Protein backbone atom coordinates (compact mmCIF):
# COMPACT_ATOMS: atom_id res chain seq x y z
CA MET A 1 89.69 135.38 121.05
CA PRO A 2 90.98 132.79 118.56
CA GLU A 3 89.57 132.66 115.07
CA PRO A 4 86.87 130.01 114.55
CA THR A 5 87.72 126.81 112.70
CA ARG A 6 86.28 127.14 109.19
CA ILE A 7 84.26 124.13 107.99
CA LEU A 8 83.42 122.97 104.48
CA HIS A 9 80.53 120.49 104.35
CA TYR A 10 80.90 117.98 101.50
CA GLY A 11 77.66 116.03 101.10
CA LEU A 12 74.30 117.06 102.57
CA GLY A 13 72.35 113.83 102.81
CA PRO A 14 70.78 112.82 106.14
CA ILE A 15 74.15 112.42 107.89
CA GLY A 16 75.72 115.49 106.30
CA ILE A 17 72.76 117.59 107.42
CA ARG A 18 73.06 116.32 111.00
CA ILE A 19 76.76 117.19 110.94
CA ALA A 20 75.93 120.73 109.82
CA GLN A 21 73.39 121.01 112.64
CA VAL A 22 75.98 119.99 115.25
CA VAL A 23 78.52 122.44 113.83
CA ALA A 24 75.94 125.25 114.04
CA LEU A 25 75.59 124.65 117.78
CA ARG A 26 79.31 124.66 118.56
CA PRO A 27 81.19 127.80 119.55
CA GLY A 28 84.53 128.02 117.80
CA LEU A 29 83.27 126.43 114.58
CA GLU A 30 82.02 128.25 111.50
CA SER A 31 80.48 126.75 108.37
CA VAL A 32 81.96 128.60 105.39
CA GLY A 33 81.15 126.30 102.47
CA ALA A 34 78.96 123.43 101.33
CA VAL A 35 78.89 121.01 98.39
CA ASP A 36 76.09 118.76 97.18
CA ILE A 37 75.20 117.45 93.72
CA ASP A 38 71.44 117.52 94.36
CA PRO A 39 69.98 120.28 92.14
CA ALA A 40 67.25 120.81 94.72
CA LYS A 41 69.92 121.90 97.24
CA THR A 42 72.49 123.75 95.16
CA GLY A 43 72.20 127.50 95.33
CA LYS A 44 70.26 127.43 98.59
CA ASP A 45 71.49 128.68 101.95
CA LEU A 46 73.01 125.94 104.08
CA GLY A 47 70.89 127.09 107.02
CA GLU A 48 67.75 126.36 105.01
CA VAL A 49 68.97 123.05 103.58
CA ALA A 50 70.08 121.78 106.99
CA ASP A 51 67.02 123.15 108.81
CA ILE A 52 69.23 125.06 111.23
CA GLY A 53 66.65 127.75 111.92
CA ARG A 54 68.59 130.69 110.56
CA MET A 55 70.35 131.69 107.38
CA LEU A 56 74.13 131.28 107.40
CA GLY A 57 75.06 133.20 104.28
CA VAL A 58 76.67 130.03 102.94
CA PHE A 59 75.25 128.78 99.65
CA VAL A 60 75.43 125.14 98.56
CA GLN A 61 77.68 124.66 95.52
CA PRO A 62 77.45 121.83 92.96
CA ASN A 63 81.13 120.85 93.16
CA LEU A 64 84.32 121.31 95.15
CA GLU A 65 85.89 123.76 92.72
CA ALA A 66 82.96 126.16 93.01
CA ALA A 67 82.93 125.88 96.80
CA LEU A 68 86.64 126.66 97.12
CA LYS A 69 86.21 129.80 95.03
CA LYS A 70 83.74 131.01 97.65
CA SER A 71 85.54 129.96 100.83
CA LYS A 72 88.86 129.06 102.45
CA PRO A 73 88.08 126.20 104.86
CA ASP A 74 90.41 124.79 107.49
CA ILE A 75 88.89 121.29 107.29
CA VAL A 76 86.30 119.32 105.31
CA LEU A 77 83.53 117.21 106.86
CA HIS A 78 82.75 114.64 104.17
CA ALA A 79 79.60 112.50 103.91
CA THR A 80 78.92 111.46 100.32
CA GLY A 81 79.26 107.69 100.00
CA SER A 82 80.00 104.38 101.68
CA HIS A 83 82.10 102.60 99.05
CA LEU A 84 85.70 103.74 98.78
CA PRO A 85 86.35 103.14 95.06
CA SER A 86 83.43 105.35 94.06
CA VAL A 87 84.50 108.32 96.21
CA LEU A 88 88.27 107.91 95.86
CA PRO A 89 88.54 110.88 93.45
CA GLN A 90 86.93 113.14 96.06
CA PHE A 91 89.55 112.28 98.67
CA LEU A 92 92.41 112.75 96.21
CA ALA A 93 91.04 116.13 95.13
CA LEU A 94 90.62 117.28 98.74
CA ALA A 95 94.14 116.19 99.64
CA GLU A 96 95.59 117.89 96.55
CA ALA A 97 93.80 121.06 97.67
CA GLY A 98 95.65 120.83 100.98
CA LEU A 99 92.54 120.17 103.05
CA PRO A 100 92.32 117.86 106.08
CA VAL A 101 89.26 115.61 105.93
CA ILE A 102 86.97 113.81 108.36
CA SER A 103 84.70 111.42 106.47
CA THR A 104 81.86 109.03 107.19
CA CYS A 105 82.85 106.73 104.29
CA GLU A 106 82.58 103.30 105.91
CA GLU A 107 85.11 101.55 103.69
CA LEU A 108 87.69 104.23 104.50
CA SER A 109 87.47 103.50 108.24
CA TYR A 110 90.13 100.78 107.92
CA PRO A 111 90.87 100.22 104.21
CA TRP A 112 94.29 98.59 104.46
CA PHE A 113 92.96 94.99 104.38
CA HIS A 114 90.17 95.19 101.77
CA HIS A 115 91.22 98.23 99.70
CA PRO A 116 95.01 98.51 100.02
CA GLY A 117 95.49 100.14 96.61
CA GLU A 118 93.06 102.95 97.31
CA ALA A 119 94.45 103.37 100.82
CA GLU A 120 97.99 103.72 99.49
CA LYS A 121 96.93 106.38 96.95
CA ILE A 122 95.12 108.46 99.56
CA ASP A 123 97.96 108.14 102.06
CA GLU A 124 100.58 109.20 99.52
CA VAL A 125 98.68 112.29 98.35
CA ALA A 126 97.76 113.28 101.91
CA ARG A 127 101.36 112.97 103.10
CA ARG A 128 102.66 114.93 100.14
CA ASN A 129 100.21 117.73 100.86
CA ARG A 130 100.74 117.53 104.64
CA VAL A 131 97.14 116.87 105.62
CA ALA A 132 95.43 114.14 107.63
CA ILE A 133 92.41 112.20 106.40
CA LEU A 134 90.26 110.16 108.79
CA SER A 135 87.03 108.23 108.49
CA THR A 136 84.98 107.72 111.62
CA GLY A 137 81.42 107.19 112.77
CA ILE A 138 79.56 104.92 115.13
CA ASN A 139 79.56 101.72 113.10
CA PRO A 140 82.23 101.50 111.82
CA GLY A 141 84.39 103.93 113.75
CA PHE A 142 83.49 103.43 117.38
CA ILE A 143 81.02 100.94 118.87
CA MET A 144 82.04 97.75 117.08
CA ASP A 145 85.78 98.43 116.75
CA THR A 146 87.38 101.40 118.58
CA LEU A 147 85.46 100.83 121.81
CA VAL A 148 86.33 97.12 121.63
CA LEU A 149 90.02 97.98 121.51
CA ILE A 150 89.72 100.52 124.31
CA LEU A 151 88.09 97.88 126.52
CA SER A 152 90.86 95.44 125.67
CA GLY A 153 93.22 97.76 127.54
CA VAL A 154 92.04 96.31 130.85
CA CYS A 155 92.49 92.69 129.70
CA PRO A 156 95.74 90.78 130.31
CA SER A 157 95.16 89.19 126.90
CA VAL A 158 92.29 88.56 124.50
CA THR A 159 91.56 85.27 122.75
CA ARG A 160 88.14 85.99 121.23
CA VAL A 161 86.01 89.03 120.38
CA ARG A 162 82.23 89.01 120.08
CA VAL A 163 80.15 92.13 119.47
CA ARG A 164 76.39 92.32 118.97
CA ARG A 165 74.59 95.53 117.98
CA VAL A 166 70.78 95.56 117.96
CA VAL A 167 69.02 98.55 116.38
CA ASP A 168 65.30 99.22 116.71
CA LEU A 169 64.38 100.53 113.26
CA SER A 170 60.99 101.72 114.52
CA ILE A 171 62.61 104.90 115.81
CA ARG A 172 65.04 105.42 112.93
CA ARG A 173 64.70 107.42 109.73
CA LYS A 174 62.77 106.25 106.69
CA GLN A 175 65.91 106.09 104.54
CA LEU A 176 67.53 103.58 106.89
CA GLN A 177 64.40 101.40 106.96
CA GLN A 178 64.41 101.43 103.17
CA LYS A 179 68.13 100.73 103.03
CA VAL A 180 67.83 97.49 105.01
CA GLY A 181 64.81 96.19 103.09
CA VAL A 182 61.87 96.89 105.38
CA ASN A 183 58.54 95.84 103.82
CA LEU A 184 60.10 93.79 101.02
CA THR A 185 58.97 90.25 100.31
CA THR A 186 61.54 87.55 100.96
CA GLU A 187 61.93 87.15 97.20
CA GLU A 188 62.56 90.88 96.75
CA PHE A 189 65.06 90.81 99.61
CA ALA A 190 66.94 87.92 97.98
CA ALA A 191 67.05 89.72 94.63
CA ARG A 192 68.36 92.97 96.11
CA LYS A 193 70.91 91.05 98.18
CA ALA A 194 72.15 89.23 95.07
CA ALA A 195 72.49 92.56 93.27
CA GLY A 196 74.54 94.00 96.14
CA GLY A 197 71.84 96.44 97.15
CA LEU A 198 71.46 95.34 100.76
CA GLY A 199 73.66 94.93 103.77
CA HIS A 200 75.36 97.34 106.13
CA VAL A 201 78.71 98.60 104.84
CA GLY A 202 81.66 98.54 107.20
CA LEU A 203 81.56 95.33 109.23
CA PRO A 204 84.58 93.82 107.40
CA GLU A 205 86.51 97.04 108.04
CA SER A 206 85.69 96.80 111.76
CA VAL A 207 86.91 93.20 111.80
CA ALA A 208 90.16 94.25 110.14
CA MET A 209 90.66 97.15 112.56
CA ILE A 210 90.14 94.92 115.60
CA ALA A 211 92.59 92.33 114.27
CA ALA A 212 95.21 94.99 113.56
CA GLY A 213 94.70 96.58 116.97
CA LEU A 214 95.14 93.26 118.76
CA GLY A 215 98.14 92.27 116.65
CA TRP A 216 96.39 89.35 114.97
CA LYS A 217 97.17 88.38 111.37
CA LEU A 218 93.75 88.35 109.74
CA GLU A 219 93.37 85.66 107.10
CA ARG A 220 89.89 86.35 105.78
CA VAL A 221 86.49 87.82 106.58
CA GLU A 222 83.23 86.04 105.82
CA GLN A 223 79.79 87.64 105.93
CA THR A 224 76.21 86.40 106.06
CA LEU A 225 73.08 88.47 105.51
CA ASP A 226 69.55 87.25 106.20
CA PRO A 227 66.15 88.91 106.41
CA VAL A 228 64.27 89.28 109.67
CA ILE A 229 60.67 88.30 109.00
CA ALA A 230 57.74 90.07 110.64
CA PRO A 231 55.77 87.62 112.82
CA CYS A 232 52.74 89.94 112.78
CA ALA A 233 51.61 93.20 111.23
CA LEU A 234 53.94 96.10 112.09
CA ASP A 235 54.01 99.84 111.45
CA SER A 236 56.90 101.42 109.57
CA ALA A 237 57.83 104.66 107.85
CA LEU A 238 57.31 102.75 104.61
CA GLY A 239 53.74 101.78 105.43
CA ALA A 240 52.13 98.82 107.14
CA VAL A 241 54.31 95.69 107.11
CA ALA A 242 52.24 92.53 106.84
CA ALA A 243 53.21 89.34 108.64
CA GLY A 244 55.65 87.37 106.53
CA ARG A 245 57.29 90.42 104.98
CA VAL A 246 60.72 91.77 105.88
CA GLN A 247 61.04 93.84 109.08
CA GLY A 248 64.82 94.18 108.95
CA GLN A 249 68.06 92.33 108.43
CA HIS A 250 70.55 90.24 110.39
CA GLN A 251 74.19 90.47 109.34
CA ILE A 252 77.26 88.71 110.72
CA ALA A 253 80.93 89.24 109.86
CA ARG A 254 83.45 86.64 110.98
CA GLY A 255 87.20 87.19 111.09
CA TYR A 256 89.54 84.20 110.90
CA VAL A 257 92.98 84.08 112.49
CA ALA A 258 95.17 80.96 112.28
CA GLY A 259 92.23 79.05 110.83
CA GLN A 260 89.88 79.91 113.69
CA GLU A 261 86.98 82.35 113.99
CA ARG A 262 88.37 84.86 116.47
CA ILE A 263 86.22 87.91 115.75
CA THR A 264 82.42 87.83 115.42
CA LEU A 265 80.47 91.02 114.74
CA GLU A 266 76.69 90.66 114.65
CA LEU A 267 74.36 93.44 113.55
CA LYS A 268 70.58 93.13 113.77
CA MET A 269 68.41 96.02 112.56
CA ALA A 270 64.67 95.41 112.70
CA LEU A 271 61.35 97.05 113.50
CA GLN A 272 60.52 96.74 117.19
CA ALA A 273 63.73 94.81 117.81
CA PRO A 274 63.78 93.74 121.47
CA ASP A 275 66.81 94.40 123.67
CA ALA A 276 68.22 97.18 121.51
CA GLY A 277 71.76 98.08 122.50
CA ASP A 278 75.40 97.19 122.07
CA PHE A 279 76.99 94.16 123.69
CA ILE A 280 80.75 93.57 123.76
CA ASP A 281 82.37 90.38 125.03
CA LEU A 282 86.14 89.99 125.19
CA GLU A 283 87.22 86.47 126.06
CA GLY A 284 90.54 85.63 127.67
CA PRO A 285 92.07 84.72 131.03
CA GLU A 286 90.06 87.59 132.53
CA SER A 287 87.03 88.09 130.30
CA VAL A 288 85.32 91.47 130.08
CA SER A 289 81.75 92.25 129.02
CA SER A 290 80.08 95.59 128.43
CA THR A 291 76.54 96.70 127.59
CA ILE A 292 75.79 100.15 126.18
CA ARG A 293 72.34 101.64 125.68
CA GLY A 294 71.06 104.66 123.84
CA VAL A 295 73.62 105.20 121.08
CA GLN A 296 71.51 106.53 118.20
CA GLY A 297 73.58 105.95 115.09
CA ASP A 298 72.81 109.08 113.05
CA ILE A 299 73.09 111.54 115.93
CA ALA A 300 76.17 109.88 117.37
CA THR A 301 77.90 109.73 113.98
CA ALA A 302 77.44 113.48 113.52
CA ALA A 303 78.74 114.08 117.03
CA ILE A 304 81.88 111.98 116.69
CA VAL A 305 82.73 113.60 113.34
CA VAL A 306 82.54 117.07 114.89
CA ASN A 307 84.34 115.98 118.05
CA ALA A 308 87.19 114.65 115.88
CA ILE A 309 88.01 118.06 114.41
CA PRO A 310 90.72 119.14 116.91
CA ARG A 311 92.42 115.73 116.77
CA VAL A 312 92.53 115.60 112.97
CA LEU A 313 93.83 119.16 112.69
CA ALA A 314 96.66 118.16 115.03
CA ALA A 315 97.29 114.71 113.51
CA VAL A 316 100.31 113.51 111.59
CA SER A 317 99.68 113.82 107.86
CA GLY A 318 98.52 110.85 105.82
CA LEU A 319 95.58 108.46 105.88
CA ARG A 320 94.77 107.91 109.53
CA THR A 321 92.43 105.44 111.24
CA MET A 322 90.91 105.42 114.69
CA LEU A 323 93.87 103.27 115.78
CA ASP A 324 96.05 106.36 115.35
CA MET A 325 93.86 108.82 117.23
CA PRO A 326 93.73 109.80 120.91
CA PRO A 327 90.21 109.55 122.39
CA PHE A 328 87.77 112.23 121.29
CA ARG A 329 85.84 114.37 123.74
CA SER A 330 82.58 116.23 123.51
CA VAL A 331 81.96 119.67 125.03
CA GLY A 332 80.39 120.47 128.35
CA ILE A 333 77.37 122.74 128.51
C-alpha cells in the first residue's frame, strides 16, 4: 500500500478548518502539521481545533518554522488571507522550503494582470525550488472563471461573457454575513466601503483569467459595490435586521476589451436572496447558457482544494493557475 500524502495545514480559520475536515475523511491523506497565529489555537490538537471528532496527534504551531521542525509534509494547504501583497512572504517561505502549495488566496488565483510583480517573484522562487503553487476555490477558482472557460469549449467562438452568482446569506456562516455588511446602516456601509473593508475579493482576478483563457487582451477592469437594503425585518446570525438596514451587497466587475465591455461578473450576496444559484451566459454565433444550483461556497472551496492535491503534486513547477490544470475529480464512495 502506498504511503499517504502528508499534509501541512497553514491557516485554521473557517475555510482552513473545513479543509482539515475534508482531509480527515479521505483515505490516502494524512495531516502531519498545522500552523495558525491565533493563541487560542496554538498548542492544541488539530483534531480538537477542527472539530474532527478525534485527536490526531498533530499540534497547532504558531509559525512555519516550528511546524517544519515537527513534520515533513509533502504539500501545504494554505488559507490565511485574501490579499496577495500581505501574504507574499508566506508563499516565498513555503517555496524556499521546497513545498508545493494549494492556497485559497483570492488574489493569487490569477495575479498576472493586477499583481504582476508579486506573481513574478513567486513563480521564480517556485521554479528554482521545483515546486508548484496554485490558488483555487469556488469564487474565484471555479464557478465564475474556470467553469466559464470549460463551457466555452463547446462554442465555435465567444463574443461576450456574463456570469451571475446569487448567494443566500441566510444559510451561510456568521463571519460571511459580517464580512459583507449585514445589519449595517447605509451610512456605515458607505464608510466601510470607502475604507476598503467591504467587497468580495477575487472578481477582477476572475475577469483576467477569463480574458486570458479566451485570448482577449484585457484593457481594464471596473468594479461597483452597492448595498442591498432590507425591505422588511429579517433574521440574521448578527441579530434582527430592521427594514432599511443592509441585508447584503451587490458587486459587479466589468472587463473591457477593445473599448467594449466583454466580460460581466455579477455577485449578489443577501439574506433570503431569491433564485440563489449560478448563471453563465456565453454569447456568440451559438450561444450557451448554464444554470447550477447547490454550490455552497465554503464546503465546495474545501473540496476543490483537497481534490487539487494530486494535480498539483504532478504539476510543472512554478506559479500555476487553473488555466494550467487538468480538471479535478472528487472520490467515489
